[in-house]
PDB file of all heavy atoms in Angstrom:
ATOM      1  N   LYS A   1     -23.058 -13.889  -1.911  1.00  0.00           N
ATOM      2  CA  LYS A   1     -21.643 -13.579  -1.720  1.00  0.00           C
ATOM      3  C   LYS A   1     -21.116 -12.560  -2.739  1.00  0.00           C
ATOM      4  O   LYS A   1     -19.932 -12.249  -2.757  1.00  0.00           O
ATOM      5  CB  LYS A   1     -20.807 -14.866  -1.829  1.00  0.00           C
ATOM      6  CG  LYS A   1     -21.111 -15.903  -0.743  1.00  0.00           C
ATOM      7  CD  LYS A   1     -20.692 -15.393   0.624  1.00  0.00           C
ATOM      8  CE  LYS A   1     -20.899 -16.451   1.697  1.00  0.00           C
ATOM      9  NZ  LYS A   1     -20.473 -15.957   3.027  1.00  0.00           N
ATOM     10  N   LYS A   2     -22.026 -12.041  -3.556  1.00  0.00           N
ATOM     11  CA  LYS A   2     -21.613 -11.142  -4.637  1.00  0.00           C
ATOM     12  C   LYS A   2     -20.907  -9.900  -4.108  1.00  0.00           C
ATOM     13  O   LYS A   2     -19.815  -9.535  -4.586  1.00  0.00           O
ATOM     14  CB  LYS A   2     -22.830 -10.745  -5.474  1.00  0.00           C
ATOM     15  CG  LYS A   2     -22.507  -9.794  -6.615  1.00  0.00           C
ATOM     16  CD  LYS A   2     -23.751  -9.493  -7.435  1.00  0.00           C
ATOM     17  CE  LYS A   2     -23.475  -8.476  -8.525  1.00  0.00           C
ATOM     18  NZ  LYS A   2     -24.693  -8.199  -9.343  1.00  0.00           N
ATOM     19  N   ASP A   3     -21.489  -9.222  -3.131  1.00  0.00           N
ATOM     20  CA  ASP A   3     -20.890  -7.993  -2.605  1.00  0.00           C
ATOM     21  C   ASP A   3     -19.514  -8.269  -1.986  1.00  0.00           C
ATOM     22  O   ASP A   3     -18.582  -7.470  -2.143  1.00  0.00           O
ATOM     23  CB  ASP A   3     -21.803  -7.352  -1.559  1.00  0.00           C
ATOM     24  CG  ASP A   3     -23.068  -6.766  -2.169  1.00  0.00           C
ATOM     25  OD1 ASP A   3     -23.088  -6.576  -3.401  1.00  0.00           O
ATOM     26  OD2 ASP A   3     -24.026  -6.509  -1.425  1.00  0.00           O
ATOM     27  N   ASP A   4     -19.382  -9.415  -1.320  1.00  0.00           N
ATOM     28  CA  ASP A   4     -18.114  -9.756  -0.672  1.00  0.00           C
ATOM     29  C   ASP A   4     -17.008  -9.995  -1.690  1.00  0.00           C
ATOM     30  O   ASP A   4     -15.886  -9.523  -1.523  1.00  0.00           O
ATOM     31  CB  ASP A   4     -18.282 -11.006   0.208  1.00  0.00           C
ATOM     32  CG  ASP A   4     -19.222 -10.763   1.379  1.00  0.00           C
ATOM     33  OD1 ASP A   4     -19.289  -9.618   1.845  1.00  0.00           O
ATOM     34  OD2 ASP A   4     -19.882 -11.717   1.814  1.00  0.00           O
ATOM     35  N   VAL A   5     -17.330 -10.733  -2.751  1.00  0.00           N
ATOM     36  CA  VAL A   5     -16.297 -11.037  -3.737  1.00  0.00           C
ATOM     37  C   VAL A   5     -15.905  -9.784  -4.523  1.00  0.00           C
ATOM     38  O   VAL A   5     -14.741  -9.588  -4.887  1.00  0.00           O
ATOM     39  CB  VAL A   5     -16.754 -12.168  -4.691  1.00  0.00           C
ATOM     40  CG1 VAL A   5     -17.782 -11.706  -5.701  1.00  0.00           C
ATOM     41  CG2 VAL A   5     -15.555 -12.749  -5.423  1.00  0.00           C
ATOM     42  N   VAL A   6     -16.874  -8.898  -4.768  1.00  0.00           N
ATOM     43  CA  VAL A   6     -16.570  -7.653  -5.495  1.00  0.00           C
ATOM     44  C   VAL A   6     -15.644  -6.761  -4.654  1.00  0.00           C
ATOM     45  O   VAL A   6     -14.710  -6.141  -5.193  1.00  0.00           O
ATOM     46  CB  VAL A   6     -17.875  -6.911  -5.863  1.00  0.00           C
ATOM     47  CG1 VAL A   6     -17.574  -5.509  -6.375  1.00  0.00           C
ATOM     48  CG2 VAL A   6     -18.640  -7.697  -6.924  1.00  0.00           C
ATOM     49  N   LYS A   7     -15.855  -6.701  -3.337  1.00  0.00           N
ATOM     50  CA  LYS A   7     -14.964  -5.926  -2.470  1.00  0.00           C
ATOM     51  C   LYS A   7     -13.547  -6.495  -2.494  1.00  0.00           C
ATOM     52  O   LYS A   7     -12.554  -5.764  -2.537  1.00  0.00           O
ATOM     53  CB  LYS A   7     -15.501  -5.927  -1.038  1.00  0.00           C
ATOM     54  CG  LYS A   7     -16.728  -5.054  -0.829  1.00  0.00           C
ATOM     55  CD  LYS A   7     -17.203  -5.112   0.622  1.00  0.00           C
ATOM     56  CE  LYS A   7     -18.461  -4.267   0.823  1.00  0.00           C
ATOM     57  NZ  LYS A   7     -18.954  -4.332   2.217  1.00  0.00           N
ATOM     58  N   LYS A   8     -13.470  -7.815  -2.465  1.00  0.00           N
ATOM     59  CA  LYS A   8     -12.161  -8.470  -2.494  1.00  0.00           C
ATOM     60  C   LYS A   8     -11.473  -8.234  -3.834  1.00  0.00           C
ATOM     61  O   LYS A   8     -10.256  -7.999  -3.900  1.00  0.00           O
ATOM     62  CB  LYS A   8     -12.344  -9.969  -2.267  1.00  0.00           C
ATOM     63  CG  LYS A   8     -11.096 -10.703  -1.828  1.00  0.00           C
ATOM     64  CD  LYS A   8     -10.856 -10.539  -0.345  1.00  0.00           C
ATOM     65  CE  LYS A   8      -9.761 -11.473   0.148  1.00  0.00           C
ATOM     66  NZ  LYS A   8      -9.545 -11.365   1.598  1.00  0.00           N
ATOM     67  N   LEU A   9     -12.243  -8.284  -4.902  1.00  0.00           N
ATOM     68  CA  LEU A   9     -11.701  -8.033  -6.239  1.00  0.00           C
ATOM     69  C   LEU A   9     -11.197  -6.605  -6.342  1.00  0.00           C
ATOM     70  O   LEU A   9     -10.112  -6.347  -6.888  1.00  0.00           O
ATOM     71  CB  LEU A   9     -12.775  -8.290  -7.297  1.00  0.00           C
ATOM     72  CG  LEU A   9     -12.378  -7.970  -8.746  1.00  0.00           C
ATOM     73  CD1 LEU A   9     -11.237  -8.878  -9.199  1.00  0.00           C
ATOM     74  CD2 LEU A   9     -13.589  -8.128  -9.674  1.00  0.00           C
ATOM     75  N   GLU A  10     -11.963  -5.656  -5.825  1.00  0.00           N
ATOM     76  CA  GLU A  10     -11.534  -4.248  -5.849  1.00  0.00           C
ATOM     77  C   GLU A  10     -10.209  -4.067  -5.125  1.00  0.00           C
ATOM     78  O   GLU A  10      -9.293  -3.388  -5.625  1.00  0.00           O
ATOM     79  CB  GLU A  10     -12.595  -3.377  -5.190  1.00  0.00           C
ATOM     80  CG  GLU A  10     -12.227  -1.899  -5.133  1.00  0.00           C
ATOM     81  CD  GLU A  10     -12.824  -1.178  -3.953  1.00  0.00           C
ATOM     82  OE1 GLU A  10     -13.768  -1.705  -3.330  1.00  0.00           O
ATOM     83  OE2 GLU A  10     -12.332  -0.078  -3.631  1.00  0.00           O
ATOM     84  N   ALA A  11     -10.075  -4.685  -3.952  1.00  0.00           N
ATOM     85  CA  ALA A  11      -8.832  -4.566  -3.178  1.00  0.00           C
ATOM     86  C   ALA A  11      -7.661  -5.149  -3.952  1.00  0.00           C
ATOM     87  O   ALA A  11      -6.561  -4.571  -3.972  1.00  0.00           O
ATOM     88  CB  ALA A  11      -8.990  -5.280  -1.837  1.00  0.00           C
ATOM     89  N   TYR A  12      -7.881  -6.283  -4.609  1.00  0.00           N
ATOM     90  CA  TYR A  12      -6.804  -6.925  -5.378  1.00  0.00           C
ATOM     91  C   TYR A  12      -6.393  -6.077  -6.576  1.00  0.00           C
ATOM     92  O   TYR A  12      -5.198  -5.860  -6.826  1.00  0.00           O
ATOM     93  CB  TYR A  12      -7.248  -8.310  -5.836  1.00  0.00           C
ATOM     94  CG  TYR A  12      -6.284  -8.968  -6.780  1.00  0.00           C
ATOM     95  CD1 TYR A  12      -4.998  -9.325  -6.355  1.00  0.00           C
ATOM     96  CD2 TYR A  12      -6.639  -9.233  -8.104  1.00  0.00           C
ATOM     97  CE1 TYR A  12      -4.102  -9.923  -7.228  1.00  0.00           C
ATOM     98  CE2 TYR A  12      -5.745  -9.829  -8.981  1.00  0.00           C
ATOM     99  CZ  TYR A  12      -4.477 -10.172  -8.537  1.00  0.00           C
ATOM    100  OH  TYR A  12      -3.582 -10.761  -9.407  1.00  0.00           O
ATOM    101  N   LEU A  13      -7.381  -5.569  -7.327  1.00  0.00           N
ATOM    102  CA  LEU A  13      -7.057  -4.743  -8.498  1.00  0.00           C
ATOM    103  C   LEU A  13      -6.353  -3.458  -8.085  1.00  0.00           C
ATOM    104  O   LEU A  13      -5.410  -3.007  -8.755  1.00  0.00           O
ATOM    105  CB  LEU A  13      -8.338  -4.426  -9.278  1.00  0.00           C
ATOM    106  CG  LEU A  13      -9.040  -5.621  -9.947  1.00  0.00           C
ATOM    107  CD1 LEU A  13     -10.334  -5.172 -10.616  1.00  0.00           C
ATOM    108  CD2 LEU A  13      -8.122  -6.299 -10.962  1.00  0.00           C
ATOM    109  N   ASN A  14      -6.796  -2.849  -6.977  1.00  0.00           N
ATOM    110  CA  ASN A  14      -6.127  -1.650  -6.474  1.00  0.00           C
ATOM    111  C   ASN A  14      -4.682  -1.943  -6.095  1.00  0.00           C
ATOM    112  O   ASN A  14      -3.777  -1.154  -6.381  1.00  0.00           O
ATOM    113  CB  ASN A  14      -6.880  -1.092  -5.264  1.00  0.00           C
ATOM    114  CG  ASN A  14      -7.869  -0.006  -5.645  1.00  0.00           C
ATOM    115  OD1 ASN A  14      -7.577   0.861  -6.463  1.00  0.00           O
ATOM    116  ND2 ASN A  14      -9.058  -0.061  -5.067  1.00  0.00           N
ATOM    117  N   MET A  15      -4.461  -3.079  -5.450  1.00  0.00           N
ATOM    118  CA  MET A  15      -3.111  -3.460  -5.053  1.00  0.00           C
ATOM    119  C   MET A  15      -2.214  -3.636  -6.283  1.00  0.00           C
ATOM    120  O   MET A  15      -1.077  -3.145  -6.321  1.00  0.00           O
ATOM    121  CB  MET A  15      -3.145  -4.767  -4.267  1.00  0.00           C
ATOM    122  CG  MET A  15      -1.779  -5.250  -3.784  1.00  0.00           C
ATOM    123  SD  MET A  15      -1.769  -7.004  -3.361  1.00  0.00           S
ATOM    124  CE  MET A  15      -1.889  -7.747  -4.999  1.00  0.00           C
ATOM    125  N   CYS A  16      -2.732  -4.318  -7.306  1.00  0.00           N
ATOM    126  CA  CYS A  16      -1.955  -4.522  -8.536  1.00  0.00           C
ATOM    127  C   CYS A  16      -1.644  -3.196  -9.216  1.00  0.00           C
ATOM    128  O   CYS A  16      -0.518  -2.970  -9.681  1.00  0.00           O
ATOM    129  CB  CYS A  16      -2.729  -5.430  -9.498  1.00  0.00           C
ATOM    130  SG  CYS A  16      -2.880  -7.140  -8.958  1.00  0.00           S
ATOM    131  N   GLN A  17      -2.649  -2.316  -9.258  1.00  0.00           N
ATOM    132  CA  GLN A  17      -2.441  -1.033  -9.930  1.00  0.00           C
ATOM    133  C   GLN A  17      -1.394  -0.180  -9.211  1.00  0.00           C
ATOM    134  O   GLN A  17      -0.507   0.403  -9.837  1.00  0.00           O
ATOM    135  CB  GLN A  17      -3.789  -0.294 -10.014  1.00  0.00           C
ATOM    136  CG  GLN A  17      -3.784   0.945 -10.906  1.00  0.00           C
ATOM    137  CD  GLN A  17      -3.254   2.177 -10.202  1.00  0.00           C
ATOM    138  OE1 GLN A  17      -3.576   2.409  -9.032  1.00  0.00           O
ATOM    139  NE2 GLN A  17      -2.444   2.954 -10.887  1.00  0.00           N
ATOM    140  N   LYS A  18      -1.464  -0.146  -7.892  1.00  0.00           N
ATOM    141  CA  LYS A  18      -0.540   0.683  -7.121  1.00  0.00           C
ATOM    142  C   LYS A  18       0.884   0.126  -7.134  1.00  0.00           C
ATOM    143  O   LYS A  18       1.857   0.881  -7.106  1.00  0.00           O
ATOM    144  CB  LYS A  18      -1.033   0.821  -5.684  1.00  0.00           C
ATOM    145  CG  LYS A  18      -2.296   1.681  -5.569  1.00  0.00           C
ATOM    146  CD  LYS A  18      -2.854   1.692  -4.148  1.00  0.00           C
ATOM    147  CE  LYS A  18      -4.134   2.520  -4.075  1.00  0.00           C
ATOM    148  NZ  LYS A  18      -4.744   2.494  -2.722  1.00  0.00           N
ATOM    149  N   SER A  19       1.006  -1.208  -7.183  1.00  0.00           N
ATOM    150  CA  SER A  19       2.334  -1.830  -7.185  1.00  0.00           C
ATOM    151  C   SER A  19       2.926  -1.939  -8.585  1.00  0.00           C
ATOM    152  O   SER A  19       4.112  -2.230  -8.743  1.00  0.00           O
ATOM    153  CB  SER A  19       2.257  -3.225  -6.553  1.00  0.00           C
ATOM    154  OG  SER A  19       1.468  -4.096  -7.358  1.00  0.00           O
ATOM    155  N   GLY A  20       2.080  -1.735  -9.597  1.00  0.00           N
ATOM    156  CA  GLY A  20       2.555  -1.840 -10.978  1.00  0.00           C
ATOM    157  C   GLY A  20       2.670  -3.271 -11.459  1.00  0.00           C
ATOM    158  O   GLY A  20       3.239  -3.529 -12.526  1.00  0.00           O
ATOM    159  N   SER A  21       2.114  -4.222 -10.707  1.00  0.00           N
ATOM    160  CA  SER A  21       2.185  -5.631 -11.107  1.00  0.00           C
ATOM    161  C   SER A  21       0.950  -6.023 -11.909  1.00  0.00           C
ATOM    162  O   SER A  21      -0.088  -5.364 -11.831  1.00  0.00           O
ATOM    163  CB  SER A  21       2.304  -6.524  -9.872  1.00  0.00           C
ATOM    164  OG  SER A  21       1.205  -6.315  -8.994  1.00  0.00           O
ATOM    165  N   ASN A  22       1.072  -7.085 -12.689  1.00  0.00           N
ATOM    166  CA  ASN A  22      -0.057  -7.567 -13.481  1.00  0.00           C
ATOM    167  C   ASN A  22      -1.070  -8.291 -12.605  1.00  0.00           C
ATOM    168  O   ASN A  22      -0.701  -8.988 -11.654  1.00  0.00           O
ATOM    169  CB  ASN A  22       0.420  -8.540 -14.560  1.00  0.00           C
ATOM    170  CG  ASN A  22       1.097  -7.830 -15.708  1.00  0.00           C
ATOM    171  OD1 ASN A  22       1.022  -6.618 -15.836  1.00  0.00           O
ATOM    172  ND2 ASN A  22       1.768  -8.591 -16.557  1.00  0.00           N
ATOM    173  N   ALA A  23      -2.335  -8.153 -12.935  1.00  0.00           N
ATOM    174  CA  ALA A  23      -3.377  -8.978 -12.323  1.00  0.00           C
ATOM    175  C   ALA A  23      -3.396 -10.302 -13.080  1.00  0.00           C
ATOM    176  O   ALA A  23      -3.193 -10.334 -14.297  1.00  0.00           O
ATOM    177  CB  ALA A  23      -4.731  -8.296 -12.430  1.00  0.00           C
ATOM    178  N   SER A  24      -3.630 -11.391 -12.375  1.00  0.00           N
ATOM    179  CA  SER A  24      -3.642 -12.703 -13.033  1.00  0.00           C
ATOM    180  C   SER A  24      -4.997 -13.364 -12.865  1.00  0.00           C
ATOM    181  O   SER A  24      -5.633 -13.264 -11.808  1.00  0.00           O
ATOM    182  CB  SER A  24      -2.547 -13.607 -12.477  1.00  0.00           C
ATOM    183  OG  SER A  24      -2.880 -14.077 -11.178  1.00  0.00           O
ATOM    184  N   LEU A  25      -5.430 -14.025 -13.915  1.00  0.00           N
ATOM    185  CA  LEU A  25      -6.715 -14.712 -13.892  1.00  0.00           C
ATOM    186  C   LEU A  25      -6.704 -15.837 -12.858  1.00  0.00           C
ATOM    187  O   LEU A  25      -7.706 -16.090 -12.189  1.00  0.00           O
ATOM    188  CB  LEU A  25      -7.035 -15.260 -15.281  1.00  0.00           C
ATOM    189  CG  LEU A  25      -8.392 -15.927 -15.501  1.00  0.00           C
ATOM    190  CD1 LEU A  25      -9.534 -15.020 -15.062  1.00  0.00           C
ATOM    191  CD2 LEU A  25      -8.563 -16.317 -16.960  1.00  0.00           C
ATOM    192  N   SER A  26      -5.565 -16.500 -12.697  1.00  0.00           N
ATOM    193  CA  SER A  26      -5.486 -17.586 -11.719  1.00  0.00           C
ATOM    194  C   SER A  26      -5.659 -17.059 -10.296  1.00  0.00           C
ATOM    195  O   SER A  26      -6.293 -17.702  -9.458  1.00  0.00           O
ATOM    196  CB  SER A  26      -4.141 -18.320 -11.843  1.00  0.00           C
ATOM    197  OG  SER A  26      -3.059 -17.442 -11.596  1.00  0.00           O
ATOM    198  N   HIS A  27      -5.112 -15.870 -10.004  1.00  0.00           N
ATOM    199  CA  HIS A  27      -5.279 -15.290  -8.671  1.00  0.00           C
ATOM    200  C   HIS A  27      -6.733 -14.854  -8.452  1.00  0.00           C
ATOM    201  O   HIS A  27      -7.286 -15.032  -7.353  1.00  0.00           O
ATOM    202  CB  HIS A  27      -4.350 -14.090  -8.495  1.00  0.00           C
ATOM    203  CG  HIS A  27      -4.298 -13.576  -7.083  1.00  0.00           C
ATOM    204  ND1 HIS A  27      -3.270 -13.861  -6.210  1.00  0.00           N
ATOM    205  CD2 HIS A  27      -5.178 -12.809  -6.386  1.00  0.00           C
ATOM    206  CE1 HIS A  27      -3.516 -13.294  -5.041  1.00  0.00           C
ATOM    207  NE2 HIS A  27      -4.667 -12.644  -5.124  1.00  0.00           N
ATOM    208  N   ILE A  28      -7.350 -14.298  -9.476  1.00  0.00           N
ATOM    209  CA  ILE A  28      -8.748 -13.879  -9.367  1.00  0.00           C
ATOM    210  C   ILE A  28      -9.645 -15.096  -9.142  1.00  0.00           C
ATOM    211  O   ILE A  28     -10.609 -15.049  -8.376  1.00  0.00           O
ATOM    212  CB  ILE A  28      -9.170 -13.089 -10.627  1.00  0.00           C
ATOM    213  CG1 ILE A  28      -8.385 -11.772 -10.702  1.00  0.00           C
ATOM    214  CG2 ILE A  28     -10.673 -12.811 -10.627  1.00  0.00           C
ATOM    215  CD1 ILE A  28      -8.506 -11.055 -12.028  1.00  0.00           C
TER     216      ILE A  28
END
């Protein structure tokens, strides 16, 4: 499941960066 979780993580980090919001460890 490594490739799947990394893709999901990339999408989440990109979303946080573009929106200017903080990434949270609990969400990850």
